[in-house]
Amino acid sequence: MASGSTETDIARDPAAVWAIVREFGGLDTWMPGIDACEIEGDDRVLSTMGISVRKRLVARDDDKRVITYSIVESPMNLEHHEATIRVDDGDGGSHVTYDVSVVPDQLLDMLVQTYGQALDALKAKAEAS
């Protein structure tokens, strides 16, 4: 199993950033490349680049500002995927960390890059609000 992380600082109060991140069904409002995001129970089904990806909410803790999910259906032949986004107090705003663990290992670099781009988009959305 391979694990990686990406992070960013956002010049917004952690509560404001968490309000964006905690909405499991709102990913299409800030993550690049997401055409649609629909909630089905504890799952969100994403449409992106002509494919469908099903992600399951594993845990959400509003007090700690942490959300964890797993990809349970995708065309990527994943054996395991779990990602966690954490919004912490930062110097003058928020510090956001996006951690991922995945099997097969060779998908790690692509996922870390994708989640880094997602954090760039989250920063742009949060700081524009």
N, C-alpha and C. Protein backbone atom coordinates (compact mmCIF):
# COMPACT_ATOMS: atom_id res chain seq x y z
N MET A 1 0.86 -1.17 0.00
CA MET A 1 0.00 0.00 0.00
C MET A 1 0.90 1.23 0.00
N ALA A 2 0.59 2.18 -0.87
CA ALA A 2 1.33 3.43 -0.94
C ALA A 2 0.51 4.54 -0.31
N SER A 3 1.19 5.46 0.36
CA SER A 3 0.52 6.60 0.99
C SER A 3 1.23 7.88 0.61
N GLY A 4 0.44 8.95 0.49
CA GLY A 4 1.01 10.25 0.17
C GLY A 4 0.12 11.35 0.70
N SER A 5 0.61 12.58 0.53
CA SER A 5 -0.09 13.72 1.08
C SER A 5 0.23 14.96 0.28
N THR A 6 -0.70 15.89 0.28
CA THR A 6 -0.48 17.22 -0.27
C THR A 6 -1.16 18.20 0.67
N GLU A 7 -0.69 19.44 0.69
CA GLU A 7 -1.26 20.40 1.64
C GLU A 7 -1.14 21.82 1.10
N THR A 8 -1.94 22.70 1.69
CA THR A 8 -1.92 24.11 1.31
C THR A 8 -2.37 24.96 2.49
N ASP A 9 -2.02 26.22 2.42
CA ASP A 9 -2.53 27.21 3.37
C ASP A 9 -3.55 28.08 2.66
N ILE A 10 -4.63 28.41 3.35
CA ILE A 10 -5.72 29.20 2.78
C ILE A 10 -5.98 30.38 3.71
N ALA A 11 -6.04 31.54 3.12
CA ALA A 11 -6.25 32.77 3.90
C ALA A 11 -7.74 32.97 4.18
N ARG A 12 -8.31 32.01 4.86
CA ARG A 12 -9.70 32.05 5.32
C ARG A 12 -9.80 31.31 6.63
N ASP A 13 -10.76 31.71 7.43
CA ASP A 13 -11.02 31.06 8.70
C ASP A 13 -11.30 29.57 8.48
N PRO A 14 -10.77 28.68 9.33
CA PRO A 14 -11.02 27.24 9.16
C PRO A 14 -12.50 26.86 9.09
N ALA A 15 -13.35 27.56 9.82
CA ALA A 15 -14.78 27.24 9.76
C ALA A 15 -15.34 27.49 8.36
N ALA A 16 -14.88 28.54 7.69
CA ALA A 16 -15.34 28.85 6.33
C ALA A 16 -14.84 27.81 5.34
N VAL A 17 -13.60 27.38 5.48
CA VAL A 17 -13.04 26.36 4.59
C VAL A 17 -13.74 25.02 4.86
N TRP A 18 -13.95 24.69 6.12
CA TRP A 18 -14.62 23.44 6.47
C TRP A 18 -16.05 23.42 5.92
N ALA A 19 -16.72 24.54 5.90
CA ALA A 19 -18.08 24.60 5.36
C ALA A 19 -18.11 24.13 3.91
N ILE A 20 -17.05 24.37 3.16
CA ILE A 20 -16.96 23.91 1.77
C ILE A 20 -16.63 22.42 1.74
N VAL A 21 -15.60 22.03 2.47
CA VAL A 21 -15.08 20.66 2.42
C VAL A 21 -16.08 19.64 2.97
N ARG A 22 -16.80 19.98 4.02
CA ARG A 22 -17.67 19.00 4.70
C ARG A 22 -18.85 18.56 3.85
N GLU A 23 -19.21 19.34 2.83
CA GLU A 23 -20.35 19.00 1.97
C GLU A 23 -19.94 17.90 0.99
N PHE A 24 -20.16 16.66 1.37
CA PHE A 24 -19.75 15.51 0.58
C PHE A 24 -20.35 15.54 -0.82
N GLY A 25 -21.52 16.09 -0.95
CA GLY A 25 -22.18 16.16 -2.26
C GLY A 25 -21.88 17.44 -3.02
N GLY A 26 -20.99 18.27 -2.51
CA GLY A 26 -20.70 19.55 -3.16
C GLY A 26 -19.37 19.59 -3.89
N LEU A 27 -18.78 18.46 -4.14
CA LEU A 27 -17.45 18.42 -4.75
C LEU A 27 -17.42 19.11 -6.12
N ASP A 28 -18.51 19.02 -6.86
CA ASP A 28 -18.54 19.64 -8.19
C ASP A 28 -18.54 21.16 -8.13
N THR A 29 -18.69 21.74 -6.95
CA THR A 29 -18.65 23.20 -6.83
C THR A 29 -17.24 23.75 -6.66
N TRP A 30 -16.26 22.86 -6.42
CA TRP A 30 -14.90 23.36 -6.24
C TRP A 30 -13.78 22.51 -6.81
N MET A 31 -14.00 21.23 -7.07
CA MET A 31 -12.93 20.38 -7.58
C MET A 31 -12.93 20.39 -9.10
N PRO A 32 -11.78 20.70 -9.72
CA PRO A 32 -11.73 20.76 -11.17
C PRO A 32 -12.02 19.42 -11.82
N GLY A 33 -12.67 19.46 -12.98
CA GLY A 33 -12.92 18.27 -13.76
C GLY A 33 -14.15 17.47 -13.38
N ILE A 34 -14.86 17.88 -12.34
CA ILE A 34 -16.06 17.16 -11.92
C ILE A 34 -17.26 17.76 -12.65
N ASP A 35 -17.89 16.96 -13.50
CA ASP A 35 -19.04 17.44 -14.27
C ASP A 35 -20.33 17.38 -13.46
N ALA A 36 -20.45 16.36 -12.60
CA ALA A 36 -21.65 16.22 -11.77
C ALA A 36 -21.29 15.40 -10.53
N CYS A 37 -22.04 15.66 -9.46
CA CYS A 37 -21.85 14.95 -8.20
C CYS A 37 -23.24 14.70 -7.61
N GLU A 38 -23.60 13.42 -7.50
CA GLU A 38 -24.91 13.06 -6.97
C GLU A 38 -24.74 12.19 -5.73
N ILE A 39 -25.57 12.43 -4.73
CA ILE A 39 -25.54 11.65 -3.49
C ILE A 39 -26.54 10.51 -3.58
N GLU A 40 -26.07 9.31 -3.21
CA GLU A 40 -26.91 8.12 -3.11
C GLU A 40 -26.59 7.46 -1.77
N GLY A 41 -27.35 7.77 -0.73
CA GLY A 41 -27.06 7.26 0.61
C GLY A 41 -25.76 7.83 1.12
N ASP A 42 -24.81 6.96 1.49
CA ASP A 42 -23.49 7.39 1.95
C ASP A 42 -22.49 7.52 0.81
N ASP A 43 -22.94 7.38 -0.43
CA ASP A 43 -22.07 7.45 -1.59
C ASP A 43 -22.29 8.75 -2.36
N ARG A 44 -21.22 9.21 -2.99
CA ARG A 44 -21.37 10.24 -3.99
C ARG A 44 -20.88 9.64 -5.30
N VAL A 45 -21.64 9.90 -6.35
CA VAL A 45 -21.30 9.38 -7.67
C VAL A 45 -20.87 10.58 -8.51
N LEU A 46 -19.61 10.52 -8.93
CA LEU A 46 -19.04 11.61 -9.71
C LEU A 46 -19.01 11.25 -11.18
N SER A 47 -19.33 12.23 -12.00
CA SER A 47 -19.13 12.12 -13.44
C SER A 47 -17.97 13.03 -13.79
N THR A 48 -16.95 12.45 -14.41
CA THR A 48 -15.76 13.21 -14.76
C THR A 48 -15.10 12.60 -15.99
N MET A 49 -14.80 13.43 -16.96
CA MET A 49 -14.11 13.00 -18.18
C MET A 49 -14.76 11.77 -18.81
N GLY A 50 -16.08 11.70 -18.79
CA GLY A 50 -16.80 10.61 -19.42
C GLY A 50 -16.85 9.32 -18.62
N ILE A 51 -16.37 9.33 -17.38
CA ILE A 51 -16.42 8.12 -16.55
C ILE A 51 -17.21 8.42 -15.28
N SER A 52 -17.55 7.35 -14.58
CA SER A 52 -18.27 7.47 -13.32
C SER A 52 -17.40 6.88 -12.21
N VAL A 53 -17.35 7.58 -11.06
CA VAL A 53 -16.59 7.13 -9.91
C VAL A 53 -17.51 7.21 -8.68
N ARG A 54 -17.58 6.12 -7.93
CA ARG A 54 -18.40 6.07 -6.72
C ARG A 54 -17.49 6.14 -5.50
N LYS A 55 -17.74 7.14 -4.65
CA LYS A 55 -16.96 7.34 -3.44
C LYS A 55 -17.89 7.20 -2.24
N ARG A 56 -17.43 6.49 -1.23
CA ARG A 56 -18.24 6.25 -0.03
C ARG A 56 -17.69 7.05 1.15
N LEU A 57 -18.59 7.76 1.82
CA LEU A 57 -18.24 8.49 3.03
C LEU A 57 -17.90 7.49 4.13
N VAL A 58 -16.69 7.56 4.67
CA VAL A 58 -16.25 6.67 5.73
C VAL A 58 -16.48 7.34 7.08
N ALA A 59 -16.11 8.62 7.18
CA ALA A 59 -16.28 9.34 8.45
C ALA A 59 -16.23 10.84 8.18
N ARG A 60 -16.98 11.58 9.01
CA ARG A 60 -16.94 13.04 8.98
C ARG A 60 -17.04 13.51 10.42
N ASP A 61 -16.07 14.32 10.84
CA ASP A 61 -16.03 14.83 12.20
C ASP A 61 -16.00 16.35 12.13
N ASP A 62 -17.15 16.96 12.43
CA ASP A 62 -17.24 18.42 12.35
C ASP A 62 -16.38 19.11 13.41
N ASP A 63 -16.24 18.51 14.57
CA ASP A 63 -15.43 19.13 15.62
C ASP A 63 -13.95 19.17 15.24
N LYS A 64 -13.46 18.09 14.64
CA LYS A 64 -12.05 18.02 14.23
C LYS A 64 -11.83 18.53 12.81
N ARG A 65 -12.93 18.78 12.08
CA ARG A 65 -12.89 19.23 10.68
C ARG A 65 -12.10 18.24 9.81
N VAL A 66 -12.57 16.99 9.83
CA VAL A 66 -11.93 15.91 9.08
C VAL A 66 -13.01 15.12 8.35
N ILE A 67 -12.75 14.81 7.08
CA ILE A 67 -13.65 13.95 6.31
C ILE A 67 -12.81 12.88 5.63
N THR A 68 -13.29 11.63 5.69
CA THR A 68 -12.60 10.50 5.08
C THR A 68 -13.57 9.78 4.16
N TYR A 69 -13.07 9.40 2.99
CA TYR A 69 -13.89 8.66 2.04
C TYR A 69 -13.05 7.62 1.33
N SER A 70 -13.72 6.71 0.64
CA SER A 70 -13.06 5.66 -0.10
C SER A 70 -13.68 5.54 -1.48
N ILE A 71 -12.86 5.32 -2.49
CA ILE A 71 -13.39 5.03 -3.83
C ILE A 71 -13.77 3.56 -3.83
N VAL A 72 -15.05 3.29 -4.11
CA VAL A 72 -15.54 1.91 -4.07
C VAL A 72 -15.85 1.36 -5.46
N GLU A 73 -15.99 2.23 -6.46
CA GLU A 73 -16.20 1.79 -7.85
C GLU A 73 -15.56 2.82 -8.77
N SER A 74 -14.70 2.32 -9.66
CA SER A 74 -14.09 3.20 -10.66
C SER A 74 -13.45 2.33 -11.74
N PRO A 75 -13.11 2.92 -12.87
CA PRO A 75 -12.43 2.15 -13.91
C PRO A 75 -10.92 2.01 -13.66
N MET A 76 -10.43 2.42 -12.49
CA MET A 76 -8.99 2.42 -12.21
C MET A 76 -8.48 1.10 -11.63
N ASN A 77 -9.33 0.10 -11.47
CA ASN A 77 -8.92 -1.19 -10.91
C ASN A 77 -8.24 -1.06 -9.55
N LEU A 78 -8.85 -0.28 -8.68
CA LEU A 78 -8.32 -0.08 -7.34
C LEU A 78 -8.59 -1.29 -6.46
N GLU A 79 -7.59 -1.71 -5.72
CA GLU A 79 -7.78 -2.73 -4.70
C GLU A 79 -8.11 -2.07 -3.36
N HIS A 80 -7.57 -0.86 -3.16
CA HIS A 80 -7.82 -0.11 -1.93
C HIS A 80 -7.63 1.37 -2.23
N HIS A 81 -8.49 2.19 -1.64
CA HIS A 81 -8.35 3.65 -1.70
C HIS A 81 -9.01 4.23 -0.47
N GLU A 82 -8.30 5.12 0.21
CA GLU A 82 -8.90 5.90 1.28
C GLU A 82 -8.22 7.26 1.30
N ALA A 83 -9.02 8.30 1.37
CA ALA A 83 -8.50 9.67 1.39
C ALA A 83 -9.13 10.43 2.54
N THR A 84 -8.34 11.34 3.12
CA THR A 84 -8.78 12.16 4.23
C THR A 84 -8.40 13.60 3.98
N ILE A 85 -9.37 14.50 4.15
CA ILE A 85 -9.10 15.93 4.08
C ILE A 85 -9.28 16.48 5.49
N ARG A 86 -8.28 17.24 5.93
CA ARG A 86 -8.30 17.82 7.28
C ARG A 86 -8.07 19.32 7.18
N VAL A 87 -8.92 20.09 7.85
CA VAL A 87 -8.79 21.54 7.89
C VAL A 87 -8.38 21.94 9.30
N ASP A 88 -7.16 22.46 9.43
CA ASP A 88 -6.63 22.86 10.73
C ASP A 88 -6.46 24.38 10.78
N ASP A 89 -6.31 24.89 11.99
CA ASP A 89 -5.96 26.30 12.15
C ASP A 89 -4.58 26.50 11.55
N GLY A 90 -4.44 27.59 10.82
CA GLY A 90 -3.15 27.92 10.22
C GLY A 90 -2.75 29.32 10.59
N ASP A 91 -1.57 29.69 10.19
CA ASP A 91 -1.06 31.03 10.45
C ASP A 91 -1.84 32.02 9.59
N GLY A 92 -2.78 32.75 10.20
CA GLY A 92 -3.58 33.72 9.47
C GLY A 92 -4.71 33.11 8.66
N GLY A 93 -5.09 31.87 8.96
CA GLY A 93 -6.18 31.24 8.22
C GLY A 93 -6.26 29.76 8.49
N SER A 94 -6.21 28.97 7.42
CA SER A 94 -6.37 27.52 7.52
C SER A 94 -5.19 26.80 6.89
N HIS A 95 -4.91 25.63 7.43
CA HIS A 95 -3.95 24.71 6.83
C HIS A 95 -4.73 23.45 6.47
N VAL A 96 -4.74 23.08 5.19
CA VAL A 96 -5.53 21.94 4.72
C VAL A 96 -4.60 20.85 4.22
N THR A 97 -4.84 19.64 4.70
CA THR A 97 -4.05 18.48 4.31
C THR A 97 -4.96 17.45 3.66
N TYR A 98 -4.49 16.87 2.56
CA TYR A 98 -5.23 15.84 1.81
C TYR A 98 -4.33 14.61 1.77
N ASP A 99 -4.67 13.57 2.55
CA ASP A 99 -3.89 12.34 2.62
C ASP A 99 -4.59 11.25 1.82
N VAL A 100 -3.79 10.35 1.23
CA VAL A 100 -4.37 9.24 0.49
C VAL A 100 -3.51 8.00 0.68
N SER A 101 -4.18 6.84 0.75
CA SER A 101 -3.50 5.54 0.67
C SER A 101 -4.19 4.75 -0.44
N VAL A 102 -3.39 4.01 -1.21
CA VAL A 102 -3.94 3.36 -2.40
C VAL A 102 -3.16 2.09 -2.74
N VAL A 103 -3.88 1.13 -3.29
CA VAL A 103 -3.33 -0.06 -3.93
C VAL A 103 -4.09 -0.19 -5.25
N PRO A 104 -3.41 -0.29 -6.38
CA PRO A 104 -1.99 -0.49 -6.58
C PRO A 104 -1.17 0.80 -6.37
N ASP A 105 0.06 0.57 -5.93
CA ASP A 105 0.95 1.67 -5.56
C ASP A 105 1.21 2.66 -6.68
N GLN A 106 1.24 2.20 -7.92
CA GLN A 106 1.58 3.07 -9.04
C GLN A 106 0.56 4.18 -9.28
N LEU A 107 -0.59 4.13 -8.64
CA LEU A 107 -1.59 5.19 -8.78
C LEU A 107 -1.35 6.36 -7.82
N LEU A 108 -0.44 6.18 -6.87
CA LEU A 108 -0.24 7.21 -5.85
C LEU A 108 0.14 8.57 -6.44
N ASP A 109 1.14 8.62 -7.30
CA ASP A 109 1.59 9.91 -7.82
C ASP A 109 0.47 10.65 -8.54
N MET A 110 -0.32 9.93 -9.34
CA MET A 110 -1.44 10.55 -10.06
C MET A 110 -2.48 11.09 -9.08
N LEU A 111 -2.78 10.33 -8.04
CA LEU A 111 -3.78 10.78 -7.06
C LEU A 111 -3.27 11.98 -6.26
N VAL A 112 -2.02 11.96 -5.82
CA VAL A 112 -1.48 13.09 -5.08
C VAL A 112 -1.50 14.35 -5.95
N GLN A 113 -1.15 14.21 -7.22
CA GLN A 113 -1.20 15.36 -8.13
C GLN A 113 -2.64 15.86 -8.30
N THR A 114 -3.57 14.95 -8.47
CA THR A 114 -4.99 15.32 -8.61
C THR A 114 -5.49 16.03 -7.36
N TYR A 115 -5.15 15.50 -6.19
CA TYR A 115 -5.60 16.11 -4.94
C TYR A 115 -4.90 17.44 -4.67
N GLY A 116 -3.67 17.59 -5.15
CA GLY A 116 -3.00 18.89 -5.07
C GLY A 116 -3.72 19.94 -5.90
N GLN A 117 -4.16 19.55 -7.09
CA GLN A 117 -4.95 20.46 -7.94
C GLN A 117 -6.28 20.78 -7.28
N ALA A 118 -6.86 19.80 -6.61
CA ALA A 118 -8.11 20.04 -5.90
C ALA A 118 -7.91 21.06 -4.79
N LEU A 119 -6.80 20.96 -4.06
CA LEU A 119 -6.54 21.94 -3.01
C LEU A 119 -6.30 23.33 -3.58
N ASP A 120 -5.65 23.41 -4.73
CA ASP A 120 -5.48 24.72 -5.39
C ASP A 120 -6.84 25.33 -5.71
N ALA A 121 -7.77 24.49 -6.19
CA ALA A 121 -9.11 24.97 -6.52
C ALA A 121 -9.89 25.34 -5.26
N LEU A 122 -9.73 24.54 -4.20
CA LEU A 122 -10.39 24.86 -2.93
C LEU A 122 -9.89 26.20 -2.40
N LYS A 123 -8.61 26.42 -2.47
CA LYS A 123 -8.01 27.69 -2.03
C LYS A 123 -8.60 28.85 -2.81
N ALA A 124 -8.68 28.71 -4.14
CA ALA A 124 -9.24 29.78 -4.98
C ALA A 124 -10.69 30.06 -4.61
N LYS A 125 -11.48 29.01 -4.42
CA LYS A 125 -12.89 29.19 -4.08
C LYS A 125 -13.03 29.83 -2.71
N ALA A 126 -12.30 29.32 -1.72
CA ALA A 126 -12.44 29.82 -0.35
C ALA A 126 -11.97 31.27 -0.24
N GLU A 127 -10.88 31.60 -0.90
CA GLU A 127 -10.36 32.96 -0.79
C GLU A 127 -11.16 33.96 -1.61
N ALA A 128 -11.94 33.48 -2.57
CA ALA A 128 -12.79 34.38 -3.36
C ALA A 128 -14.11 34.67 -2.68
N SER A 129 -14.47 33.85 -1.70
CA SER A 129 -15.76 34.00 -1.01
C SER A 129 -15.75 35.16 -0.06
